[in-house]
Amino acid sequence: MDARYVFAVRFRLDPTVSGLSLEPQEFETRLSRRADLPGEDGWLFFRDNLWRGDIGDEGYFRDLTSDALGVPVTSVDYRAFETDEEYYDALKDEIGANLTEFKTDSVSEVISKYLGSSVEVEY
């Protein structure tokens, strides 16, 4: 089983040595975060950080990303949840077993509420 959250990250590099300069100073890259297995610690990352296919608290998430990368991050945008079919089926099963935690009536509603239309399943 395999799944990952994918983000577009813009960061800035500011030389600390006098006389050095960069052009450009800002860069964009793709950041992937491995998704924890359904039911294991951390599996609710999507619930805690995403809303309708976007980052829920952009400032907080930008600060976390900056700390993780060790550079000033200027923006982070959620792009996709990439998964294989086995992981996606296990995720839906785990969501279904915990519907009351999501305050909703269906698995598809949970997926739409948090991941939006950003799920990409590799068959």
Protein backbone atom coordinates (compact mmCIF):
# COMPACT_ATOMS: atom_id res chain seq x y z
CA MET A 1 0.00 0.00 0.00
CA ASP A 2 1.24 3.43 -0.90
CA ALA A 3 -0.12 6.96 -0.69
CA ARG A 4 1.23 10.49 -0.41
CA TYR A 5 0.03 14.05 -0.05
CA VAL A 6 1.52 16.36 -2.68
CA PHE A 7 2.11 20.09 -2.25
CA ALA A 8 3.59 22.91 -4.31
CA VAL A 9 6.04 24.84 -2.12
CA ARG A 10 7.57 28.23 -2.84
CA PHE A 11 10.58 29.14 -0.76
CA ARG A 12 13.11 31.92 -0.63
CA LEU A 13 16.86 31.79 -0.22
CA ASP A 14 18.54 34.80 1.35
CA PRO A 15 22.36 34.66 1.34
CA THR A 16 23.87 35.47 4.72
CA VAL A 17 27.30 36.38 3.35
CA SER A 18 27.83 39.99 2.25
CA GLY A 19 28.35 40.39 -1.49
CA LEU A 20 26.39 37.28 -2.49
CA SER A 21 23.14 37.48 -4.38
CA LEU A 22 20.78 35.01 -5.98
CA GLU A 23 18.67 35.39 -9.07
CA PRO A 24 16.00 34.26 -8.67
CA GLN A 25 15.73 34.26 -4.89
CA GLU A 26 12.46 32.36 -4.88
CA PHE A 27 11.93 28.79 -6.09
CA GLU A 28 9.02 26.39 -6.40
CA THR A 29 9.26 22.67 -5.87
CA ARG A 30 7.05 19.65 -5.30
CA LEU A 31 6.86 18.31 -1.76
CA SER A 32 5.44 14.89 -0.96
CA ARG A 33 4.45 13.62 2.48
CA ARG A 34 3.93 9.90 2.93
CA ALA A 35 0.43 9.10 4.15
CA ASP A 36 0.30 7.04 7.31
CA LEU A 37 -1.50 3.71 7.07
CA PRO A 38 -5.25 3.90 7.76
CA GLY A 39 -5.94 3.43 11.45
CA GLU A 40 -2.34 4.09 12.52
CA ASP A 41 -1.11 7.17 14.33
CA GLY A 42 -1.16 10.10 11.89
CA TRP A 43 -3.68 8.64 9.44
CA LEU A 44 -6.02 11.60 10.04
CA PHE A 45 -3.56 14.07 8.51
CA PHE A 46 -6.14 14.91 5.82
CA ARG A 47 -8.80 15.69 8.44
CA ASP A 48 -6.47 17.81 10.53
CA ASN A 49 -4.91 19.83 7.70
CA LEU A 50 -7.16 19.90 4.63
CA TRP A 51 -10.59 21.28 3.82
CA ARG A 52 -12.33 20.83 0.47
CA GLY A 53 -9.04 20.13 -1.27
CA ASP A 54 -7.15 23.09 0.20
CA ILE A 55 -4.95 23.61 3.24
CA GLY A 56 -7.16 24.55 6.19
CA ASP A 57 -4.77 26.92 8.01
CA GLU A 58 -2.29 28.22 5.45
CA GLY A 59 -0.14 30.27 7.84
CA TYR A 60 0.29 27.42 10.31
CA PHE A 61 1.06 24.92 7.54
CA ARG A 62 3.52 27.34 5.89
CA ASP A 63 5.34 27.70 9.24
CA LEU A 64 5.47 23.90 9.71
CA THR A 65 6.83 23.47 6.20
CA SER A 66 9.42 26.20 6.72
CA ASP A 67 10.60 24.50 9.92
CA ALA A 68 10.76 21.11 8.18
CA LEU A 69 12.75 22.43 5.21
CA GLY A 70 14.92 24.93 7.04
CA VAL A 71 14.19 27.76 4.59
CA PRO A 72 11.68 30.63 4.56
CA VAL A 73 8.58 29.25 2.82
CA THR A 74 6.45 31.88 1.10
CA SER A 75 3.56 29.61 0.08
CA VAL A 76 2.32 26.04 0.24
CA ASP A 77 -0.53 24.80 -1.93
CA TYR A 78 -2.10 21.38 -1.68
CA ARG A 79 -2.13 19.64 -5.06
CA ALA A 80 -3.18 16.00 -4.76
CA PHE A 81 -3.59 12.86 -2.75
CA GLU A 82 -1.83 10.17 -4.79
CA THR A 83 -2.62 6.61 -3.81
CA ASP A 84 -2.76 3.08 -5.04
CA GLU A 85 -6.05 1.20 -5.09
CA GLU A 86 -5.18 -0.97 -2.07
CA TYR A 87 -4.44 2.03 0.16
CA TYR A 88 -7.52 3.91 -1.05
CA ASP A 89 -9.76 0.93 -0.27
CA ALA A 90 -8.22 0.61 3.20
CA LEU A 91 -8.67 4.35 3.79
CA LYS A 92 -12.34 4.20 2.82
CA ASP A 93 -12.86 1.17 5.10
CA GLU A 94 -11.24 2.99 8.03
CA ILE A 95 -13.26 6.15 7.41
CA GLY A 96 -16.42 4.01 7.25
CA ALA A 97 -15.58 2.43 10.60
CA ASN A 98 -15.19 5.92 12.13
CA LEU A 99 -17.97 7.97 10.50
CA THR A 100 -19.10 9.47 13.81
CA GLU A 101 -15.65 11.07 14.19
CA PHE A 102 -16.27 12.95 10.94
CA LYS A 103 -19.84 13.98 11.80
CA THR A 104 -21.18 12.77 8.48
CA ASP A 105 -23.19 9.91 7.03
CA SER A 106 -21.00 8.59 4.22
CA VAL A 107 -17.43 7.85 3.24
CA SER A 108 -17.76 9.76 -0.03
CA GLU A 109 -18.90 12.84 1.89
CA VAL A 110 -15.80 12.64 4.12
CA ILE A 111 -13.50 12.34 1.12
CA SER A 112 -15.19 15.27 -0.61
CA LYS A 113 -15.22 17.38 2.57
CA TYR A 114 -11.47 17.07 3.15
CA LEU A 115 -9.76 15.98 -0.05
CA GLY A 116 -12.10 17.59 -2.56
CA SER A 117 -11.55 16.21 -6.05
CA SER A 118 -7.79 15.84 -5.59
CA VAL A 119 -7.64 12.05 -5.17
CA GLU A 120 -5.52 10.37 -7.85
CA VAL A 121 -5.76 6.57 -7.72
CA GLU A 122 -3.09 4.57 -9.56
CA TYR A 123 -4.51 1.28 -10.81
